[in-house]
C-alpha atoms as a PDB file:
ATOM      1  CA  UNK A   1     -16.789  -5.580  17.180  1.00  0.00           C
ATOM      2  CA  UNK A   2     -16.569  -6.878  13.605  1.00  0.00           C
ATOM      3  CA  UNK A   3     -14.154  -5.545  10.516  1.00  0.00           C
ATOM      4  CA  UNK A   4     -16.276  -3.899   8.955  1.00  0.00           C
ATOM      5  CA  UNK A   5     -17.378  -1.581  11.500  1.00  0.00           C
ATOM      6  CA  UNK A   6     -13.436  -0.997  12.226  1.00  0.00           C
ATOM      7  CA  UNK A   7     -13.057   0.215   9.183  1.00  0.00           C
ATOM      8  CA  UNK A   8     -16.005   2.176   8.961  1.00  0.00           C
ATOM      9  CA  UNK A   9     -14.667   3.691  12.519  1.00  0.00           C
ATOM     10  CA  UNK A  10     -11.897   4.307  10.838  1.00  0.00           C
ATOM     11  CA  UNK A  11     -12.923   5.822   8.694  1.00  0.00           C
ATOM     12  CA  UNK A  12     -15.199   8.079  10.857  1.00  0.00           C
ATOM     13  CA  UNK A  13     -11.947   8.995  12.836  1.00  0.00           C
ATOM     14  CA  UNK A  14      -9.841   9.750  10.086  1.00  0.00           C
ATOM     15  CA  UNK A  15     -12.674  12.473   9.264  1.00  0.00           C
ATOM     16  CA  UNK A  16     -11.920  14.525  12.341  1.00  0.00           C
ATOM     17  CA  UNK A  17     -15.418  12.249  14.058  1.00  0.00           C
ATOM     18  CA  UNK A  18     -14.260  10.795  17.409  1.00  0.00           C
ATOM     19  CA  UNK A  19     -14.486   6.607  17.183  1.00  0.00           C
ATOM     20  CA  UNK A  20     -18.563   5.756  17.626  1.00  0.00           C
ATOM     21  CA  UNK A  21     -19.943   8.454  16.473  1.00  0.00           C
ATOM     22  CA  UNK A  22     -21.418   7.446  13.304  1.00  0.00           C
ATOM     23  CA  UNK A  23     -21.992   3.363  15.045  1.00  0.00           C
ATOM     24  CA  UNK A  24     -25.448   4.915  16.788  1.00  0.00           C
ATOM     25  CA  UNK A  25     -26.582   6.163  13.144  1.00  0.00           C
ATOM     26  CA  UNK A  26     -25.912   2.587  11.273  1.00  0.00           C
ATOM     27  CA  UNK A  27     -27.567   0.492  13.908  1.00  0.00           C
ATOM     28  CA  UNK A  28     -30.910   2.359  14.218  1.00  0.00           C
ATOM     29  CA  UNK A  29     -30.664   2.193  10.162  1.00  0.00           C
ATOM     30  CA  UNK A  30     -30.054  -1.564  10.175  1.00  0.00           C
ATOM     31  CA  UNK A  31     -32.646  -2.168  13.344  1.00  0.00           C
ATOM     32  CA  UNK A  32     -35.546   0.172  10.851  1.00  0.00           C
ATOM     33  CA  UNK A  33     -35.265  -1.928   8.095  1.00  0.00           C
ATOM     34  CA  UNK A  34     -34.569  -5.209   9.369  1.00  0.00           C
ATOM     35  CA  UNK A  35     -38.337  -3.912  11.304  1.00  0.00           C
ATOM     36  CA  UNK A  36     -39.867  -2.737   7.992  1.00  0.00           C
ATOM     37  CA  UNK A  37     -41.581  -5.848   7.293  1.00  0.00           C
ATOM     38  CA  UNK A  38     -42.692  -7.190  10.151  1.00  0.00           C
ATOM     39  CA  UNK A  39     -43.996  -3.701  11.002  1.00  0.00           C
ATOM     40  CA  UNK A  40     -46.269  -3.509   7.379  1.00  0.00           C
ATOM     41  CA  UNK A  41     -47.775  -6.765   8.599  1.00  0.00           C
ATOM     42  CA  UNK A  42     -48.335  -5.494  11.481  1.00  0.00           C
ATOM     43  CA  UNK A  43     -50.553  -2.971  10.422  1.00  0.00           C
ATOM     44  CA  UNK A  44     -52.210  -4.449   7.215  1.00  0.00           C
ATOM     45  CA  UNK A  45     -53.369  -6.543  10.311  1.00  0.00           C
ATOM     46  CA  UNK A  46     -54.537  -3.796  12.036  1.00  0.00           C
ATOM     47  CA  UNK A  47     -56.494  -2.467   9.178  1.00  0.00           C
ATOM     48  CA  UNK A  48     -57.928  -6.136   8.440  1.00  0.00           C
ATOM     49  CA  UNK A  49     -59.375  -5.599  12.028  1.00  0.00           C
ATOM     50  CA  UNK A  50     -60.808  -2.449  11.660  1.00  0.00           C
ATOM     51  CA  UNK A  51     -62.248  -3.177   7.896  1.00  0.00           C
ATOM     52  CA  UNK A  52     -64.248  -5.759   9.250  1.00  0.00           C
ATOM     53  CA  UNK A  53     -66.151  -3.518  11.346  1.00  0.00           C
ATOM     54  CA  UNK A  54     -67.247  -4.217  15.177  1.00  0.00           C
ATOM     55  CA  UNK A  55     -68.328  -7.774  15.684  1.00  0.00           C
ATOM     56  CA  UNK A  56     -71.877  -8.857  17.518  1.00  0.00           C
ATOM     57  CA  UNK A  57     -70.063 -11.746  18.961  1.00  0.00           C
ATOM     58  CA  UNK A  58     -68.530 -11.085  23.017  1.00  0.00           C
ATOM     59  CA  UNK A  59     -64.906 -11.425  23.849  1.00  0.00           C
ATOM     60  CA  UNK A  60     -65.571 -14.795  25.220  1.00  0.00           C
ATOM     61  CA  UNK A  61     -67.239 -16.312  22.113  1.00  0.00           C
ATOM     62  CA  UNK A  62     -64.289 -15.350  19.977  1.00  0.00           C
ATOM     63  CA  UNK A  63     -61.668 -16.752  22.797  1.00  0.00           C
ATOM     64  CA  UNK A  64     -63.562 -19.810  22.709  1.00  0.00           C
ATOM     65  CA  UNK A  65     -63.792 -20.308  19.236  1.00  0.00           C
ATOM     66  CA  UNK A  66     -60.475 -19.860  18.261  1.00  0.00           C
ATOM     67  CA  UNK A  67     -59.593 -22.561  21.101  1.00  0.00           C
ATOM     68  CA  UNK A  68     -61.650 -25.092  19.078  1.00  0.00           C
ATOM     69  CA  UNK A  69     -59.791 -24.179  16.470  1.00  0.00           C
ATOM     70  CA  UNK A  70     -56.474 -24.298  17.700  1.00  0.00           C
ATOM     71  CA  UNK A  71     -57.659 -27.600  19.097  1.00  0.00           C
ATOM     72  CA  UNK A  72     -59.274 -29.219  15.788  1.00  0.00           C
ATOM     73  CA  UNK A  73     -55.591 -27.963  14.255  1.00  0.00           C
ATOM     74  CA  UNK A  74     -52.955 -29.575  16.994  1.00  0.00           C
ATOM     75  CA  UNK A  75     -55.509 -31.916  18.459  1.00  0.00           C
END
C-alpha cells in the first residue's frame, strides 16, 4: 500500500470509519476515469458502424478485404 493510500486510510480511520472503507470507492472512481477515454473511442466506433448502414458484402468478403489490406501494409 502506498504512502498516499495510508494517509487516506488514516484520515478515514480518524473519522470513525474502518481503515479500508474508502479504498474501494477511490479504486472504482480511478478505474472509471481511466476507462472513460477508451469508452468514448468505442462508442464513436460503434456509432460510425451504425451510420455506415448495411453492407451488400458478405462477412467472408469483408474479412478477405481486411486480410488483403493487412498483408499489403505488413508484408
